[in-house]
Amino acid sequence: MMYIFLNPMLSFIYDAIDLEKQMNTKLYGFGTHKYEGIYSVEGKNGTFNGTKVALHNEDGELSMYWIIDQNIPFALETFMGDDYADDSITITLWDYALN
């Protein structure tokens, strides 16, 4: 539940993410979580690696995805939209340092 600050209304979707077991999960009425491997995200001072977790709607189209490193309390990259439509949004973590 560490990603709840991204959108508190979707907290039950974030709760279903399990980076250790990585089993695809059906979320009735919303679609399916799918784990799509390790991805790299370029930041200001280096590269971050994380697991891509995608939410596909009931029709199998991409609705959202997150690239998550379980050691960083922010998603490295967040995508929201309808299967890469023109009005889709991608948010990328620019830098992270633990003091």
PDB file of N, CA and C in Angstrom:
ATOM      1  N   MET A   1       0.821  -1.184   0.000  1.00  0.00           N
ATOM      2  CA  MET A   1       0.000   0.000   0.000  1.00  0.00           C
ATOM      3  C   MET A   1       0.870   1.254   0.000  1.00  0.00           C
ATOM      4  N   MET A   2       2.126   1.145  -0.247  1.00  0.00           N
ATOM      5  CA  MET A   2       2.986   2.314  -0.206  1.00  0.00           C
ATOM      6  C   MET A   2       2.780   3.258  -1.382  1.00  0.00           C
ATOM      7  N   TYR A   3       1.995   2.872  -2.383  1.00  0.00           N
ATOM      8  CA  TYR A   3       1.784   3.728  -3.553  1.00  0.00           C
ATOM      9  C   TYR A   3       0.448   4.454  -3.505  1.00  0.00           C
ATOM     10  N   ILE A   4      -0.234   4.418  -2.354  1.00  0.00           N
ATOM     11  CA  ILE A   4      -1.574   4.989  -2.236  1.00  0.00           C
ATOM     12  C   ILE A   4      -1.599   6.489  -2.514  1.00  0.00           C
ATOM     13  N   PHE A   5      -0.492   7.192  -2.270  1.00  0.00           N
ATOM     14  CA  PHE A   5      -0.472   8.640  -2.479  1.00  0.00           C
ATOM     15  C   PHE A   5      -0.604   8.992  -3.955  1.00  0.00           C
ATOM     16  N   LEU A   6      -0.406   8.033  -4.866  1.00  0.00           N
ATOM     17  CA  LEU A   6      -0.539   8.327  -6.292  1.00  0.00           C
ATOM     18  C   LEU A   6      -1.978   8.675  -6.645  1.00  0.00           C
ATOM     19  N   ASN A   7      -2.915   7.918  -6.118  1.00  0.00           N
ATOM     20  CA  ASN A   7      -4.330   8.188  -6.300  1.00  0.00           C
ATOM     21  C   ASN A   7      -5.077   7.370  -5.248  1.00  0.00           C
ATOM     22  N   PRO A   8      -5.484   7.967  -4.143  1.00  0.00           N
ATOM     23  CA  PRO A   8      -6.094   7.206  -3.050  1.00  0.00           C
ATOM     24  C   PRO A   8      -7.353   6.446  -3.451  1.00  0.00           C
ATOM     25  N   MET A   9      -8.042   6.870  -4.488  1.00  0.00           N
ATOM     26  CA  MET A   9      -9.244   6.166  -4.919  1.00  0.00           C
ATOM     27  C   MET A   9      -8.915   4.799  -5.517  1.00  0.00           C
ATOM     28  N   LEU A  10      -7.665   4.605  -5.916  1.00  0.00           N
ATOM     29  CA  LEU A  10      -7.260   3.335  -6.520  1.00  0.00           C
ATOM     30  C   LEU A  10      -6.471   2.466  -5.543  1.00  0.00           C
ATOM     31  N   SER A  11      -6.598   2.715  -4.254  1.00  0.00           N
ATOM     32  CA  SER A  11      -5.783   2.001  -3.273  1.00  0.00           C
ATOM     33  C   SER A  11      -5.957   0.487  -3.356  1.00  0.00           C
ATOM     34  N   PHE A  12      -7.154  -0.010  -3.667  1.00  0.00           N
ATOM     35  CA  PHE A  12      -7.355  -1.451  -3.767  1.00  0.00           C
ATOM     36  C   PHE A  12      -6.590  -2.045  -4.944  1.00  0.00           C
ATOM     37  N   ILE A  13      -6.362  -1.257  -5.991  1.00  0.00           N
ATOM     38  CA  ILE A  13      -5.556  -1.736  -7.121  1.00  0.00           C
ATOM     39  C   ILE A  13      -4.099  -1.839  -6.697  1.00  0.00           C
ATOM     40  N   TYR A  14      -3.595  -0.834  -5.986  1.00  0.00           N
ATOM     41  CA  TYR A  14      -2.208  -0.871  -5.515  1.00  0.00           C
ATOM     42  C   TYR A  14      -2.009  -2.000  -4.507  1.00  0.00           C
ATOM     43  N   ASP A  15      -3.020  -2.272  -3.683  1.00  0.00           N
ATOM     44  CA  ASP A  15      -2.918  -3.353  -2.704  1.00  0.00           C
ATOM     45  C   ASP A  15      -2.771  -4.717  -3.369  1.00  0.00           C
ATOM     46  N   ALA A  16      -3.261  -4.869  -4.580  1.00  0.00           N
ATOM     47  CA  ALA A  16      -3.199  -6.151  -5.282  1.00  0.00           C
ATOM     48  C   ALA A  16      -1.821  -6.417  -5.898  1.00  0.00           C
ATOM     49  N   ILE A  17      -0.952  -5.411  -5.931  1.00  0.00           N
ATOM     50  CA  ILE A  17       0.384  -5.586  -6.505  1.00  0.00           C
ATOM     51  C   ILE A  17       1.254  -6.354  -5.518  1.00  0.00           C
ATOM     52  N   ASP A  18       1.811  -7.468  -5.971  1.00  0.00           N
ATOM     53  CA  ASP A  18       2.725  -8.280  -5.162  1.00  0.00           C
ATOM     54  C   ASP A  18       3.984  -8.526  -5.983  1.00  0.00           C
ATOM     55  N   LEU A  19       5.032  -7.746  -5.717  1.00  0.00           N
ATOM     56  CA  LEU A  19       6.255  -7.828  -6.518  1.00  0.00           C
ATOM     57  C   LEU A  19       7.044  -9.108  -6.263  1.00  0.00           C
ATOM     58  N   GLU A  20       6.762  -9.806  -5.181  1.00  0.00           N
ATOM     59  CA  GLU A  20       7.492 -11.034  -4.898  1.00  0.00           C
ATOM     60  C   GLU A  20       6.881 -12.228  -5.629  1.00  0.00           C
ATOM     61  N   LYS A  21       5.575 -12.396  -5.564  1.00  0.00           N
ATOM     62  CA  LYS A  21       4.925 -13.535  -6.230  1.00  0.00           C
ATOM     63  C   LYS A  21       4.677 -13.269  -7.714  1.00  0.00           C
ATOM     64  N   GLN A  22       4.380 -12.039  -8.059  1.00  0.00           N
ATOM     65  CA  GLN A  22       4.150 -11.598  -9.435  1.00  0.00           C
ATOM     66  C   GLN A  22       3.166 -12.481 -10.198  1.00  0.00           C
ATOM     67  N   MET A  23       2.024 -12.721  -9.591  1.00  0.00           N
ATOM     68  CA  MET A  23       0.979 -13.479 -10.250  1.00  0.00           C
ATOM     69  C   MET A  23      -0.021 -12.504 -10.869  1.00  0.00           C
ATOM     70  N   ASN A  24      -0.392 -12.740 -12.126  1.00  0.00           N
ATOM     71  CA  ASN A  24      -1.409 -11.905 -12.749  1.00  0.00           C
ATOM     72  C   ASN A  24      -2.682 -12.004 -11.912  1.00  0.00           C
ATOM     73  N   THR A  25      -3.328 -10.847 -11.693  1.00  0.00           N
ATOM     74  CA  THR A  25      -4.466 -10.776 -10.788  1.00  0.00           C
ATOM     75  C   THR A  25      -5.661 -10.166 -11.485  1.00  0.00           C
ATOM     76  N   LYS A  26      -6.788 -10.846 -11.431  1.00  0.00           N
ATOM     77  CA  LYS A  26      -8.037 -10.338 -11.991  1.00  0.00           C
ATOM     78  C   LYS A  26      -8.707  -9.436 -10.978  1.00  0.00           C
ATOM     79  N   LEU A  27      -8.998  -8.198 -11.377  1.00  0.00           N
ATOM     80  CA  LEU A  27      -9.707  -7.240 -10.527  1.00  0.00           C
ATOM     81  C   LEU A  27     -11.080  -7.016 -11.159  1.00  0.00           C
ATOM     82  N   TYR A  28     -12.078  -7.667 -10.626  1.00  0.00           N
ATOM     83  CA  TYR A  28     -13.404  -7.645 -11.237  1.00  0.00           C
ATOM     84  C   TYR A  28     -13.930  -6.226 -11.407  1.00  0.00           C
ATOM     85  N   GLY A  29     -14.335  -5.924 -12.626  1.00  0.00           N
ATOM     86  CA  GLY A  29     -14.854  -4.609 -12.956  1.00  0.00           C
ATOM     87  C   GLY A  29     -13.784  -3.635 -13.439  1.00  0.00           C
ATOM     88  N   PHE A  30     -12.520  -3.981 -13.254  1.00  0.00           N
ATOM     89  CA  PHE A  30     -11.441  -3.086 -13.665  1.00  0.00           C
ATOM     90  C   PHE A  30     -10.506  -3.711 -14.687  1.00  0.00           C
ATOM     91  N   GLY A  31     -10.280  -5.011 -14.616  1.00  0.00           N
ATOM     92  CA  GLY A  31      -9.383  -5.661 -15.555  1.00  0.00           C
ATOM     93  C   GLY A  31      -8.411  -6.585 -14.857  1.00  0.00           C
ATOM     94  N   THR A  32      -7.198  -6.671 -15.401  1.00  0.00           N
ATOM     95  CA  THR A  32      -6.202  -7.613 -14.910  1.00  0.00           C
ATOM     96  C   THR A  32      -4.851  -6.940 -14.736  1.00  0.00           C
ATOM     97  N   HIS A  33      -4.214  -7.175 -13.590  1.00  0.00           N
ATOM     98  CA  HIS A  33      -2.811  -6.792 -13.377  1.00  0.00           C
ATOM     99  C   HIS A  33      -1.940  -7.809 -14.086  1.00  0.00           C
ATOM    100  N   LYS A  34      -0.969  -7.343 -14.844  1.00  0.00           N
ATOM    101  CA  LYS A  34      -0.003  -8.243 -15.474  1.00  0.00           C
ATOM    102  C   LYS A  34       1.395  -7.733 -15.173  1.00  0.00           C
ATOM    103  N   TYR A  35       2.289  -8.646 -14.844  1.00  0.00           N
ATOM    104  CA  TYR A  35       3.688  -8.311 -14.578  1.00  0.00           C
ATOM    105  C   TYR A  35       4.464  -8.525 -15.865  1.00  0.00           C
ATOM    106  N   GLU A  36       5.163  -7.481 -16.322  1.00  0.00           N
ATOM    107  CA  GLU A  36       5.758  -7.514 -17.653  1.00  0.00           C
ATOM    108  C   GLU A  36       7.278  -7.414 -17.647  1.00  0.00           C
ATOM    109  N   GLY A  37       7.922  -7.780 -16.551  1.00  0.00           N
ATOM    110  CA  GLY A  37       9.379  -7.831 -16.519  1.00  0.00           C
ATOM    111  C   GLY A  37      10.025  -6.585 -15.942  1.00  0.00           C
ATOM    112  N   ILE A  38      11.357  -6.578 -16.014  1.00  0.00           N
ATOM    113  CA  ILE A  38      12.159  -5.484 -15.472  1.00  0.00           C
ATOM    114  C   ILE A  38      12.413  -4.443 -16.560  1.00  0.00           C
ATOM    115  N   TYR A  39      12.210  -3.173 -16.213  1.00  0.00           N
ATOM    116  CA  TYR A  39      12.443  -2.063 -17.139  1.00  0.00           C
ATOM    117  C   TYR A  39      13.365  -1.045 -16.483  1.00  0.00           C
ATOM    118  N   SER A  40      14.067  -0.295 -17.295  1.00  0.00           N
ATOM    119  CA  SER A  40      14.945   0.773 -16.814  1.00  0.00           C
ATOM    120  C   SER A  40      14.318   2.121 -17.117  1.00  0.00           C
ATOM    121  N   VAL A  41      14.473   3.038 -16.169  1.00  0.00           N
ATOM    122  CA  VAL A  41      13.966   4.401 -16.325  1.00  0.00           C
ATOM    123  C   VAL A  41      15.144   5.341 -16.115  1.00  0.00           C
ATOM    124  N   GLU A  42      15.402   6.194 -17.090  1.00  0.00           N
ATOM    125  CA  GLU A  42      16.492   7.169 -16.995  1.00  0.00           C
ATOM    126  C   GLU A  42      16.069   8.341 -16.128  1.00  0.00           C
ATOM    127  N   GLY A  43      16.868   8.644 -15.125  1.00  0.00           N
ATOM    128  CA  GLY A  43      16.609   9.774 -14.250  1.00  0.00           C
ATOM    129  C   GLY A  43      17.677  10.833 -14.422  1.00  0.00           C
ATOM    130  N   LYS A  44      17.619  11.844 -13.611  1.00  0.00           N
ATOM    131  CA  LYS A  44      18.561  12.953 -13.672  1.00  0.00           C
ATOM    132  C   LYS A  44      19.996  12.506 -13.399  1.00  0.00           C
ATOM    133  N   ASN A  45      20.177  11.658 -12.390  1.00  0.00           N
ATOM    134  CA  ASN A  45      21.517  11.253 -11.970  1.00  0.00           C
ATOM    135  C   ASN A  45      21.773   9.762 -12.127  1.00  0.00           C
ATOM    136  N   GLY A  46      21.077   9.113 -13.019  1.00  0.00           N
ATOM    137  CA  GLY A  46      21.324   7.687 -13.209  1.00  0.00           C
ATOM    138  C   GLY A  46      20.102   6.951 -13.691  1.00  0.00           C
ATOM    139  N   THR A  47      20.224   5.648 -13.696  1.00  0.00           N
ATOM    140  CA  THR A  47      19.159   4.778 -14.181  1.00  0.00           C
ATOM    141  C   THR A  47      18.561   4.014 -13.015  1.00  0.00           C
ATOM    142  N   PHE A  48      17.247   3.929 -12.985  1.00  0.00           N
ATOM    143  CA  PHE A  48      16.529   3.165 -11.978  1.00  0.00           C
ATOM    144  C   PHE A  48      15.916   1.947 -12.667  1.00  0.00           C
ATOM    145  N   ASN A  49      15.931   0.800 -12.016  1.00  0.00           N
ATOM    146  CA  ASN A  49      15.330  -0.422 -12.561  1.00  0.00           C
ATOM    147  C   ASN A  49      14.155  -0.831 -11.702  1.00  0.00           C
ATOM    148  N   GLY A  50      13.089  -1.281 -12.352  1.00  0.00           N
ATOM    149  CA  GLY A  50      11.915  -1.709 -11.611  1.00  0.00           C
ATOM    150  C   GLY A  50      11.049  -2.648 -12.422  1.00  0.00           C
ATOM    151  N   THR A  51      10.101  -3.231 -11.765  1.00  0.00           N
ATOM    152  CA  THR A  51       9.168  -4.163 -12.384  1.00  0.00           C
ATOM    153  C   THR A  51       7.999  -3.396 -12.985  1.00  0.00           C
ATOM    154  N   LYS A  52       7.669  -3.709 -14.229  1.00  0.00           N
ATOM    155  CA  LYS A  52       6.512  -3.074 -14.877  1.00  0.00           C
ATOM    156  C   LYS A  52       5.264  -3.876 -14.544  1.00  0.00           C
ATOM    157  N   VAL A  53       4.284  -3.189 -13.947  1.00  0.00           N
ATOM    158  CA  VAL A  53       2.992  -3.779 -13.609  1.00  0.00           C
ATOM    159  C   VAL A  53       1.943  -3.033 -14.416  1.00  0.00           C
ATOM    160  N   ALA A  54       1.245  -3.748 -15.283  1.00  0.00           N
ATOM    161  CA  ALA A  54       0.258  -3.120 -16.162  1.00  0.00           C
ATOM    162  C   ALA A  54      -1.154  -3.521 -15.749  1.00  0.00           C
ATOM    163  N   LEU A  55      -2.086  -2.591 -15.880  1.00  0.00           N
ATOM    164  CA  LEU A  55      -3.499  -2.867 -15.664  1.00  0.00           C
ATOM    165  C   LEU A  55      -4.187  -2.787 -17.019  1.00  0.00           C
ATOM    166  N   HIS A  56      -4.673  -3.927 -17.475  1.00  0.00           N
ATOM    167  CA  HIS A  56      -5.416  -3.993 -18.740  1.00  0.00           C
ATOM    168  C   HIS A  56      -6.900  -4.064 -18.406  1.00  0.00           C
ATOM    169  N   ASN A  57      -7.715  -3.306 -19.145  1.00  0.00           N
ATOM    170  CA  ASN A  57      -9.146  -3.283 -18.857  1.00  0.00           C
ATOM    171  C   ASN A  57      -9.804  -4.602 -19.276  1.00  0.00           C
ATOM    172  N   GLU A  58     -11.102  -4.694 -19.099  1.00  0.00           N
ATOM    173  CA  GLU A  58     -11.839  -5.924 -19.408  1.00  0.00           C
ATOM    174  C   GLU A  58     -11.740  -6.310 -20.886  1.00  0.00           C
ATOM    175  N   ASP A  59     -11.460  -5.341 -21.768  1.00  0.00           N
ATOM    176  CA  ASP A  59     -11.311  -5.616 -23.196  1.00  0.00           C
ATOM    177  C   ASP A  59      -9.876  -5.972 -23.575  1.00  0.00           C
ATOM    178  N   GLY A  60      -8.978  -6.005 -22.591  1.00  0.00           N
ATOM    179  CA  GLY A  60      -7.587  -6.347 -22.840  1.00  0.00           C
ATOM    180  C   GLY A  60      -6.713  -5.178 -23.262  1.00  0.00           C
ATOM    181  N   GLU A  61      -7.270  -3.966 -23.267  1.00  0.00           N
ATOM    182  CA  GLU A  61      -6.493  -2.779 -23.640  1.00  0.00           C
ATOM    183  C   GLU A  61      -5.769  -2.225 -22.412  1.00  0.00           C
ATOM    184  N   LEU A  62      -4.589  -1.652 -22.636  1.00  0.00           N
ATOM    185  CA  LEU A  62      -3.811  -1.070 -21.556  1.00  0.00           C
ATOM    186  C   LEU A  62      -4.512   0.166 -20.997  1.00  0.00           C
ATOM    187  N   SER A  63      -4.724   0.190 -19.672  1.00  0.00           N
ATOM    188  CA  SER A  63      -5.328   1.344 -19.016  1.00  0.00           C
ATOM    189  C   SER A  63      -4.295   2.139 -18.233  1.00  0.00           C
ATOM    190  N   MET A  64      -3.461   1.420 -17.471  1.00  0.00           N
ATOM    191  CA  MET A  64      -2.440   2.053 -16.641  1.00  0.00           C
ATOM    192  C   MET A  64      -1.259   1.100 -16.540  1.00  0.00           C
ATOM    193  N   TYR A  65      -0.090   1.684 -16.293  1.00  0.00           N
ATOM    194  CA  TYR A  65       1.022   0.845 -15.867  1.00  0.00           C
ATOM    195  C   TYR A  65       1.916   1.635 -14.938  1.00  0.00           C
ATOM    196  N   TRP A  66       2.660   0.892 -14.123  1.00  0.00           N
ATOM    197  CA  TRP A  66       3.620   1.469 -13.195  1.00  0.00           C
ATOM    198  C   TRP A  66       4.913   0.692 -13.329  1.00  0.00           C
ATOM    199  N   ILE A  67       6.034   1.377 -13.242  1.00  0.00           N
ATOM    200  CA  ILE A  67       7.318   0.707 -13.105  1.00  0.00           C
ATOM    201  C   ILE A  67       7.745   0.969 -11.671  1.00  0.00           C
ATOM    202  N   ILE A  68       7.886  -0.122 -10.904  1.00  0.00           N
ATOM    203  CA  ILE A  68       8.030  -0.023  -9.457  1.00  0.00           C
ATOM    204  C   ILE A  68       9.301  -0.717  -8.992  1.00  0.00           C
ATOM    205  N   ASP A  69      10.062  -0.019  -8.171  1.00  0.00           N
ATOM    206  CA  ASP A  69      11.177  -0.605  -7.431  1.00  0.00           C
ATOM    207  C   ASP A  69      10.718  -0.663  -5.987  1.00  0.00           C
ATOM    208  N   GLN A  70      10.662  -1.852  -5.407  1.00  0.00           N
ATOM    209  CA  GLN A  70      10.104  -1.967  -4.051  1.00  0.00           C
ATOM    210  C   GLN A  70      10.941  -1.253  -2.992  1.00  0.00           C
ATOM    211  N   ASN A  71      12.143  -0.801  -3.337  1.00  0.00           N
ATOM    212  CA  ASN A  71      12.979  -0.069  -2.386  1.00  0.00           C
ATOM    213  C   ASN A  71      12.795   1.442  -2.467  1.00  0.00           C
ATOM    214  N   ILE A  72      11.990   1.908  -3.416  1.00  0.00           N
ATOM    215  CA  ILE A  72      11.727   3.332  -3.596  1.00  0.00           C
ATOM    216  C   ILE A  72      10.225   3.556  -3.422  1.00  0.00           C
ATOM    217  N   PRO A  73       9.798   4.459  -2.554  1.00  0.00           N
ATOM    218  CA  PRO A  73       8.375   4.626  -2.251  1.00  0.00           C
ATOM    219  C   PRO A  73       7.584   5.409  -3.307  1.00  0.00           C
ATOM    220  N   PHE A  74       8.135   5.574  -4.491  1.00  0.00           N
ATOM    221  CA  PHE A  74       7.451   6.249  -5.591  1.00  0.00           C
ATOM    222  C   PHE A  74       7.510   5.341  -6.810  1.00  0.00           C
ATOM    223  N   ALA A  75       6.507   5.401  -7.651  1.00  0.00           N
ATOM    224  CA  ALA A  75       6.590   4.680  -8.922  1.00  0.00           C
ATOM    225  C   ALA A  75       7.645   5.365  -9.783  1.00  0.00           C
ATOM    226  N   LEU A  76       8.512   4.580 -10.411  1.00  0.00           N
ATOM    227  CA  LEU A  76       9.535   5.154 -11.289  1.00  0.00           C
ATOM    228  C   LEU A  76       8.898   5.773 -12.519  1.00  0.00           C
ATOM    229  N   GLU A  77       7.838   5.138 -12.998  1.00  0.00           N
ATOM    230  CA  GLU A  77       7.098   5.682 -14.142  1.00  0.00           C
ATOM    231  C   GLU A  77       5.650   5.257 -13.993  1.00  0.00           C
ATOM    232  N   THR A  78       4.750   6.156 -14.312  1.00  0.00           N
ATOM    233  CA  THR A  78       3.313   5.896 -14.255  1.00  0.00           C
ATOM    234  C   THR A  78       2.701   6.297 -15.587  1.00  0.00           C
ATOM    235  N   PHE A  79       1.879   5.410 -16.147  1.00  0.00           N
ATOM    236  CA  PHE A  79       1.161   5.694 -17.394  1.00  0.00           C
ATOM    237  C   PHE A  79      -0.323   5.580 -17.110  1.00  0.00           C
ATOM    238  N   MET A  80      -1.095   6.558 -17.606  1.00  0.00           N
ATOM    239  CA  MET A  80      -2.543   6.526 -17.489  1.00  0.00           C
ATOM    240  C   MET A  80      -3.134   6.931 -18.828  1.00  0.00           C
ATOM    241  N   GLY A  81      -4.036   6.142 -19.336  1.00  0.00           N
ATOM    242  CA  GLY A  81      -4.660   6.474 -20.613  1.00  0.00           C
ATOM    243  C   GLY A  81      -5.312   5.265 -21.234  1.00  0.00           C
ATOM    244  N   ASP A  82      -5.717   5.424 -22.465  1.00  0.00           N
ATOM    245  CA  ASP A  82      -6.385   4.350 -23.189  1.00  0.00           C
ATOM    246  C   ASP A  82      -5.480   3.827 -24.286  1.00  0.00           C
ATOM    247  N   ASP A  83      -4.709   2.799 -23.972  1.00  0.00           N
ATOM    248  CA  ASP A  83      -3.894   2.094 -24.961  1.00  0.00           C
ATOM    249  C   ASP A  83      -3.045   3.046 -25.816  1.00  0.00           C
ATOM    250  N   TYR A  84      -2.330   3.955 -25.152  1.00  0.00           N
ATOM    251  CA  TYR A  84      -1.416   4.920 -25.777  1.00  0.00           C
ATOM    252  C   TYR A  84      -2.125   5.926 -26.701  1.00  0.00           C
ATOM    253  N   ALA A  85      -3.335   6.310 -26.340  1.00  0.00           N
ATOM    254  CA  ALA A  85      -4.062   7.336 -27.105  1.00  0.00           C
ATOM    255  C   ALA A  85      -3.365   8.684 -26.930  1.00  0.00           C
ATOM    256  N   ASP A  86      -3.741   9.647 -27.766  1.00  0.00           N
ATOM    257  CA  ASP A  86      -3.105  10.972 -27.744  1.00  0.00           C
ATOM    258  C   ASP A  86      -3.242  11.692 -26.409  1.00  0.00           C
ATOM    259  N   ASP A  87      -4.311  11.431 -25.666  1.00  0.00           N
ATOM    260  CA  ASP A  87      -4.517  12.134 -24.402  1.00  0.00           C
ATOM    261  C   ASP A  87      -3.979  11.349 -23.199  1.00  0.00           C
ATOM    262  N   SER A  88      -3.132  10.366 -23.444  1.00  0.00           N
ATOM    263  CA  SER A  88      -2.517   9.589 -22.373  1.00  0.00           C
ATOM    264  C   SER A  88      -1.470  10.420 -21.637  1.00  0.00           C
ATOM    265  N   ILE A  89      -1.212  10.055 -20.387  1.00  0.00           N
ATOM    266  CA  ILE A  89      -0.252  10.775 -19.550  1.00  0.00           C
ATOM    267  C   ILE A  89       0.805   9.795 -19.050  1.00  0.00           C
ATOM    268  N   THR A  90       2.076  10.186 -19.133  1.00  0.00           N
ATOM    269  CA  THR A  90       3.163   9.417 -18.550  1.00  0.00           C
ATOM    270  C   THR A  90       3.928  10.322 -17.595  1.00  0.00           C
ATOM    271  N   ILE A  91       4.105   9.857 -16.369  1.00  0.00           N
ATOM    272  CA  ILE A  91       4.839  10.602 -15.344  1.00  0.00           C
ATOM    273  C   ILE A  91       6.075   9.788 -14.995  1.00  0.00           C
ATOM    274  N   THR A  92       7.253  10.429 -15.055  1.00  0.00           N
ATOM    275  CA  THR A  92       8.500   9.738 -14.784  1.00  0.00           C
ATOM    276  C   THR A  92       9.197  10.361 -13.572  1.00  0.00           C
ATOM    277  N   LEU A  93       9.693   9.505 -12.679  1.00  0.00           N
ATOM    278  CA  LEU A  93      10.479   9.976 -11.549  1.00  0.00           C
ATOM    279  C   LEU A  93      11.788  10.516 -12.061  1.00  0.00           C
ATOM    280  N   TRP A  94      12.111  11.763 -11.733  1.00  0.00           N
ATOM    281  CA  TRP A  94      13.305  12.419 -12.279  1.00  0.00           C
ATOM    282  C   TRP A  94      14.538  12.121 -11.460  1.00  0.00           C
ATOM    283  N   ASP A  95      14.396  12.109 -10.134  1.00  0.00           N
ATOM    284  CA  ASP A  95      15.541  11.866  -9.279  1.00  0.00           C
ATOM    285  C   ASP A  95      15.049  11.363  -7.929  1.00  0.00           C
ATOM    286  N   TYR A  96      15.868  10.557  -7.276  1.00  0.00           N
ATOM    287  CA  TYR A  96      15.520  10.056  -5.955  1.00  0.00           C
ATOM    288  C   TYR A  96      16.810   9.821  -5.179  1.00  0.00           C
ATOM    289  N   ALA A  97      16.846  10.301  -3.959  1.00  0.00           N
ATOM    290  CA  ALA A  97      18.000  10.079  -3.080  1.00  0.00           C
ATOM    291  C   ALA A  97      17.491   9.925  -1.661  1.00  0.00           C
ATOM    292  N   LEU A  98      18.020   8.956  -0.968  1.00  0.00           N
ATOM    293  CA  LEU A  98      17.657   8.726   0.412  1.00  0.00           C
ATOM    294  C   LEU A  98      18.715   9.372   1.295  1.00  0.00           C
ATOM    295  N   ASN A  99      18.306  10.342   2.110  1.00  0.00           N
ATOM    296  CA  ASN A  99      19.247  11.041   2.980  1.00  0.00           C
ATOM    297  C   ASN A  99      19.293  10.436   4.354  1.00  0.00           C
TER     298      ASN A  99
END
